[in-house]
Amino acid sequence: MPAVTRLYYVAETGTLDLWVDEPGKEIIAEPLNDNIILKLDQEGNVVGLEIVDLKKLKPEDLEEVPKNISEVLKRVLRDITVKAKELAHTR
């Protein structure tokens, strides 16, 4: 499973960028649907993924995402959710 090298979230727009390689390697941005854009390198390997509006993300949006990348995204979102719940119960 690829490691996350960077994760960016812009609260004002709800945009989430997940990078599994260096962002500078992005050559092609390939929209999969209205809410997900794959970032590809020169060889066509996925180096990142952009969710245009995280609040509108639906399970079916992930159907076209390569399995290894969707698994990384799910793991990251799960980890953030767990930590947010922990922090919500502290002062």
N, C-alpha and C. Protein backbone atom coordinates (compact mmCIF):
# COMPACT_ATOMS: atom_id res chain seq x y z
N MET A 1 0.84 -1.18 0.00
CA MET A 1 0.00 0.00 0.00
C MET A 1 0.89 1.24 0.00
N PRO A 2 0.61 2.21 -0.87
CA PRO A 2 1.43 3.42 -0.91
C PRO A 2 1.32 4.20 0.39
N ALA A 3 2.39 4.87 0.72
CA ALA A 3 2.39 5.73 1.91
C ALA A 3 1.91 7.12 1.51
N VAL A 4 1.26 7.78 2.42
CA VAL A 4 0.83 9.16 2.17
C VAL A 4 2.04 10.06 2.39
N THR A 5 2.37 10.85 1.40
CA THR A 5 3.48 11.79 1.57
C THR A 5 2.98 13.16 1.98
N ARG A 6 1.76 13.48 1.53
CA ARG A 6 1.16 14.78 1.88
C ARG A 6 -0.35 14.67 1.86
N LEU A 7 -0.96 15.47 2.72
CA LEU A 7 -2.42 15.55 2.75
C LEU A 7 -2.77 17.01 2.99
N TYR A 8 -3.55 17.58 2.09
CA TYR A 8 -3.97 18.98 2.21
C TYR A 8 -5.49 19.04 2.22
N TYR A 9 -6.02 19.88 3.10
CA TYR A 9 -7.46 20.10 3.13
C TYR A 9 -7.71 21.59 3.19
N VAL A 10 -8.54 22.08 2.29
CA VAL A 10 -8.91 23.50 2.27
C VAL A 10 -10.36 23.58 2.75
N ALA A 11 -10.54 24.03 3.97
CA ALA A 11 -11.87 24.04 4.60
C ALA A 11 -12.86 24.92 3.84
N GLU A 12 -12.40 26.03 3.31
CA GLU A 12 -13.32 26.95 2.62
C GLU A 12 -13.98 26.31 1.41
N THR A 13 -13.27 25.43 0.74
CA THR A 13 -13.81 24.79 -0.48
C THR A 13 -14.15 23.33 -0.27
N GLY A 14 -13.64 22.73 0.81
CA GLY A 14 -13.87 21.31 1.05
C GLY A 14 -12.98 20.41 0.20
N THR A 15 -11.95 20.99 -0.41
CA THR A 15 -11.05 20.24 -1.28
C THR A 15 -10.01 19.49 -0.45
N LEU A 16 -9.81 18.21 -0.78
CA LEU A 16 -8.81 17.39 -0.12
C LEU A 16 -7.87 16.85 -1.18
N ASP A 17 -6.57 17.06 -0.98
CA ASP A 17 -5.55 16.51 -1.86
C ASP A 17 -4.74 15.50 -1.08
N LEU A 18 -4.66 14.30 -1.63
CA LEU A 18 -3.91 13.20 -1.02
C LEU A 18 -2.80 12.84 -2.00
N TRP A 19 -1.56 12.91 -1.54
CA TRP A 19 -0.41 12.59 -2.38
C TRP A 19 0.26 11.33 -1.87
N VAL A 20 0.50 10.38 -2.76
CA VAL A 20 1.21 9.15 -2.41
C VAL A 20 2.61 9.14 -3.00
N ASP A 21 2.96 10.23 -3.66
CA ASP A 21 4.30 10.46 -4.20
C ASP A 21 4.51 11.97 -4.23
N GLU A 22 5.62 12.41 -4.70
CA GLU A 22 5.92 13.84 -4.72
C GLU A 22 4.97 14.58 -5.67
N PRO A 23 4.35 15.66 -5.20
CA PRO A 23 3.42 16.43 -6.04
C PRO A 23 4.06 16.93 -7.34
N GLY A 24 5.34 17.19 -7.32
CA GLY A 24 6.03 17.68 -8.50
C GLY A 24 6.06 16.68 -9.65
N LYS A 25 5.76 15.42 -9.37
CA LYS A 25 5.73 14.40 -10.42
C LYS A 25 4.44 14.42 -11.22
N GLU A 26 3.44 15.19 -10.77
CA GLU A 26 2.17 15.23 -11.48
C GLU A 26 2.34 15.85 -12.86
N ILE A 27 1.91 15.11 -13.88
CA ILE A 27 1.94 15.58 -15.26
C ILE A 27 0.51 15.71 -15.80
N ILE A 28 -0.35 14.78 -15.39
CA ILE A 28 -1.71 14.71 -15.91
C ILE A 28 -2.70 14.71 -14.74
N ALA A 29 -3.77 15.49 -14.88
CA ALA A 29 -4.89 15.45 -13.93
C ALA A 29 -6.06 14.86 -14.70
N GLU A 30 -6.49 13.67 -14.29
CA GLU A 30 -7.53 12.94 -15.01
C GLU A 30 -8.80 12.84 -14.17
N PRO A 31 -9.85 13.60 -14.53
CA PRO A 31 -11.11 13.51 -13.78
C PRO A 31 -11.73 12.11 -13.93
N LEU A 32 -12.12 11.53 -12.80
CA LEU A 32 -12.82 10.24 -12.84
C LEU A 32 -14.32 10.44 -12.81
N ASN A 33 -14.74 11.48 -12.11
CA ASN A 33 -16.15 11.85 -12.02
C ASN A 33 -16.21 13.32 -11.59
N ASP A 34 -17.36 13.80 -11.23
CA ASP A 34 -17.50 15.21 -10.87
C ASP A 34 -16.77 15.59 -9.59
N ASN A 35 -16.37 14.60 -8.78
CA ASN A 35 -15.79 14.90 -7.48
C ASN A 35 -14.38 14.37 -7.26
N ILE A 36 -13.86 13.58 -8.17
CA ILE A 36 -12.53 12.99 -7.97
C ILE A 36 -11.67 13.18 -9.21
N ILE A 37 -10.44 13.65 -8.96
CA ILE A 37 -9.45 13.83 -10.02
C ILE A 37 -8.20 13.05 -9.62
N LEU A 38 -7.75 12.16 -10.51
CA LEU A 38 -6.49 11.44 -10.28
C LEU A 38 -5.34 12.27 -10.80
N LYS A 39 -4.25 12.28 -10.07
CA LYS A 39 -3.03 12.97 -10.48
C LYS A 39 -2.05 11.89 -10.91
N LEU A 40 -1.59 11.97 -12.16
CA LEU A 40 -0.73 10.93 -12.73
C LEU A 40 0.64 11.48 -13.08
N ASP A 41 1.66 10.59 -13.03
CA ASP A 41 2.99 10.98 -13.46
C ASP A 41 3.15 10.69 -14.95
N GLN A 42 4.34 10.87 -15.46
CA GLN A 42 4.61 10.72 -16.89
C GLN A 42 4.33 9.30 -17.39
N GLU A 43 4.50 8.31 -16.52
CA GLU A 43 4.26 6.91 -16.90
C GLU A 43 2.82 6.48 -16.68
N GLY A 44 1.98 7.37 -16.17
CA GLY A 44 0.58 7.03 -15.91
C GLY A 44 0.33 6.44 -14.54
N ASN A 45 1.33 6.48 -13.67
CA ASN A 45 1.17 6.01 -12.29
C ASN A 45 0.46 7.08 -11.47
N VAL A 46 -0.38 6.65 -10.55
CA VAL A 46 -1.08 7.60 -9.68
C VAL A 46 -0.12 8.14 -8.63
N VAL A 47 0.00 9.46 -8.58
CA VAL A 47 0.83 10.11 -7.57
C VAL A 47 -0.03 10.87 -6.56
N GLY A 48 -1.31 11.04 -6.89
CA GLY A 48 -2.19 11.75 -5.98
C GLY A 48 -3.63 11.68 -6.42
N LEU A 49 -4.46 12.22 -5.56
CA LEU A 49 -5.90 12.21 -5.80
C LEU A 49 -6.46 13.49 -5.20
N GLU A 50 -7.36 14.12 -5.93
CA GLU A 50 -8.04 15.30 -5.41
C GLU A 50 -9.52 15.01 -5.28
N ILE A 51 -10.06 15.31 -4.12
CA ILE A 51 -11.50 15.27 -3.92
C ILE A 51 -11.95 16.72 -3.95
N VAL A 52 -12.76 17.03 -4.92
CA VAL A 52 -13.17 18.42 -5.15
C VAL A 52 -13.97 18.96 -3.97
N ASP A 53 -14.87 18.15 -3.41
CA ASP A 53 -15.68 18.57 -2.26
C ASP A 53 -15.88 17.37 -1.34
N LEU A 54 -15.09 17.32 -0.28
CA LEU A 54 -15.13 16.18 0.64
C LEU A 54 -16.52 15.97 1.23
N LYS A 55 -17.24 17.04 1.48
CA LYS A 55 -18.58 16.92 2.07
C LYS A 55 -19.54 16.19 1.15
N LYS A 56 -19.27 16.24 -0.15
CA LYS A 56 -20.16 15.60 -1.12
C LYS A 56 -19.66 14.22 -1.55
N LEU A 57 -18.57 13.72 -0.96
CA LEU A 57 -18.01 12.42 -1.33
C LEU A 57 -18.98 11.30 -1.00
N LYS A 58 -19.24 10.45 -1.99
CA LYS A 58 -20.14 9.30 -1.82
C LYS A 58 -19.34 8.02 -2.10
N PRO A 59 -19.75 6.90 -1.51
CA PRO A 59 -19.03 5.64 -1.76
C PRO A 59 -18.88 5.33 -3.24
N GLU A 60 -19.91 5.63 -4.04
CA GLU A 60 -19.82 5.32 -5.46
C GLU A 60 -18.79 6.19 -6.19
N ASP A 61 -18.41 7.33 -5.60
CA ASP A 61 -17.36 8.15 -6.20
C ASP A 61 -16.03 7.39 -6.25
N LEU A 62 -15.84 6.48 -5.31
CA LEU A 62 -14.57 5.76 -5.20
C LEU A 62 -14.48 4.52 -6.09
N GLU A 63 -15.57 4.17 -6.75
CA GLU A 63 -15.59 2.94 -7.54
C GLU A 63 -14.55 2.90 -8.64
N GLU A 64 -14.22 4.03 -9.24
CA GLU A 64 -13.26 4.07 -10.33
C GLU A 64 -11.82 4.33 -9.87
N VAL A 65 -11.65 4.64 -8.59
CA VAL A 65 -10.32 4.90 -8.05
C VAL A 65 -9.58 3.57 -7.90
N PRO A 66 -8.29 3.52 -8.31
CA PRO A 66 -7.53 2.28 -8.10
C PRO A 66 -7.62 1.83 -6.64
N LYS A 67 -7.79 0.54 -6.45
CA LYS A 67 -8.04 -0.03 -5.12
C LYS A 67 -6.99 0.39 -4.09
N ASN A 68 -5.71 0.34 -4.48
CA ASN A 68 -4.67 0.68 -3.50
C ASN A 68 -4.77 2.14 -3.06
N ILE A 69 -5.19 3.03 -3.96
CA ILE A 69 -5.33 4.44 -3.61
C ILE A 69 -6.59 4.67 -2.77
N SER A 70 -7.69 4.01 -3.11
CA SER A 70 -8.91 4.17 -2.31
C SER A 70 -8.70 3.63 -0.91
N GLU A 71 -7.92 2.56 -0.77
CA GLU A 71 -7.63 2.02 0.56
C GLU A 71 -6.82 3.01 1.40
N VAL A 72 -5.86 3.68 0.77
CA VAL A 72 -5.08 4.70 1.48
C VAL A 72 -6.01 5.83 1.92
N LEU A 73 -6.86 6.29 1.03
CA LEU A 73 -7.80 7.36 1.36
C LEU A 73 -8.70 6.96 2.52
N LYS A 74 -9.25 5.77 2.46
CA LYS A 74 -10.13 5.30 3.54
C LYS A 74 -9.39 5.22 4.87
N ARG A 75 -8.14 4.74 4.84
CA ARG A 75 -7.34 4.64 6.07
C ARG A 75 -7.08 6.02 6.65
N VAL A 76 -6.71 6.97 5.80
CA VAL A 76 -6.44 8.34 6.27
C VAL A 76 -7.70 8.97 6.87
N LEU A 77 -8.82 8.84 6.17
CA LEU A 77 -10.06 9.42 6.69
C LEU A 77 -10.49 8.75 8.00
N ARG A 78 -10.29 7.44 8.11
CA ARG A 78 -10.62 6.73 9.34
C ARG A 78 -9.73 7.22 10.49
N ASP A 79 -8.42 7.37 10.23
CA ASP A 79 -7.50 7.84 11.26
C ASP A 79 -7.85 9.25 11.72
N ILE A 80 -8.20 10.11 10.79
CA ILE A 80 -8.58 11.48 11.14
C ILE A 80 -9.86 11.49 11.96
N THR A 81 -10.81 10.65 11.59
CA THR A 81 -12.08 10.58 12.32
C THR A 81 -11.86 10.11 13.75
N VAL A 82 -11.03 9.09 13.92
CA VAL A 82 -10.73 8.57 15.27
C VAL A 82 -10.09 9.66 16.12
N LYS A 83 -9.11 10.34 15.56
CA LYS A 83 -8.41 11.39 16.32
C LYS A 83 -9.35 12.55 16.64
N ALA A 84 -10.21 12.92 15.70
CA ALA A 84 -11.16 14.01 15.94
C ALA A 84 -12.11 13.65 17.08
N LYS A 85 -12.55 12.39 17.13
CA LYS A 85 -13.43 11.96 18.22
C LYS A 85 -12.70 12.00 19.56
N GLU A 86 -11.44 11.57 19.56
CA GLU A 86 -10.65 11.62 20.80
C GLU A 86 -10.51 13.06 21.29
N LEU A 87 -10.17 13.94 20.39
CA LEU A 87 -9.96 15.33 20.76
C LEU A 87 -11.23 16.03 21.18
N ALA A 88 -12.35 15.62 20.62
CA ALA A 88 -13.64 16.22 20.96
C ALA A 88 -14.02 15.95 22.42
N HIS A 89 -13.46 14.90 22.99
CA HIS A 89 -13.79 14.54 24.37
C HIS A 89 -12.77 15.03 25.38
N THR A 90 -11.86 15.91 24.93
CA THR A 90 -10.87 16.50 25.85
C THR A 90 -11.09 18.00 25.91
N ARG A 91 -10.51 18.60 26.91
CA ARG A 91 -10.64 20.07 27.05
C ARG A 91 -9.44 20.75 26.53
